Amino acid sequence: MLDLSMTVSPSRPRSRRWIWFFLVLGVLTAAGIIIPIVYNLGIQLRPEQLADARRRWQENNPANYDLKYLVKTTYADQQEEDQYLLKVRGGRTVFIACNDEVRWVDPSLAIVAGPGVLALSSEDTARYGIVALFNEIEAALRRDATAERRNLVKASFDPNDGHPSHYIHRVRGTKNQVEWFVKFTHIK
């Protein structure tokens, strides 16, 4: 016959260390998700930051400066780069070039340079320069405010005169991105 009366040893408490392991794992997973979201929201450009930079520019912009900026545009698998050069003297734009090609020369300078250069003077100078960069950033912020998705918009501005020094606008869920690298040289 089979003896069913087994001797029962005193019960040993079960180890609960596995619960702590999974609890710590869950907390680390949540932190790994939340920290990048909070960080990205913190670096997003806000309209008041742009307004503050624009105000500093209006109050402190120098009369004479050179401006070089590189615009990198990415759509799907294509990338384009355009490099602009502007010369501003006495508060007026006197020279604009794009990709080493002269786009505009102030008519007073063009007369000295000759009739071929004078023909370049029909370009709209308002499409270039610091104010145009501010306008483009503001337009992107307005478009994004009405869009259903939140795009990445990041910019850094000079702490003294407010001109943009770097700008990124990336459309969420796509490879579309615009990035500017701005070099500003004050001429005395």
Foldseek 3Di string as FASTA:
>chain_A
DDDPDDDDDPDDDDDPVVVVVVVVVVVVVVCVVPVVVVVLVVQADDPVLLVVLVVLQVVDPDQWKKKWKWKWWDAAHDIDIKIWIWTGHRNHTAWIDIPNHTQAGHCVVVVVVDDVRNVSHPDDCCCDDQNVVSVVLVVVVVVQVPDPDHWGWGWDADPRRSGTQKIKTGDPPGRTIMIMGMDMGGDD
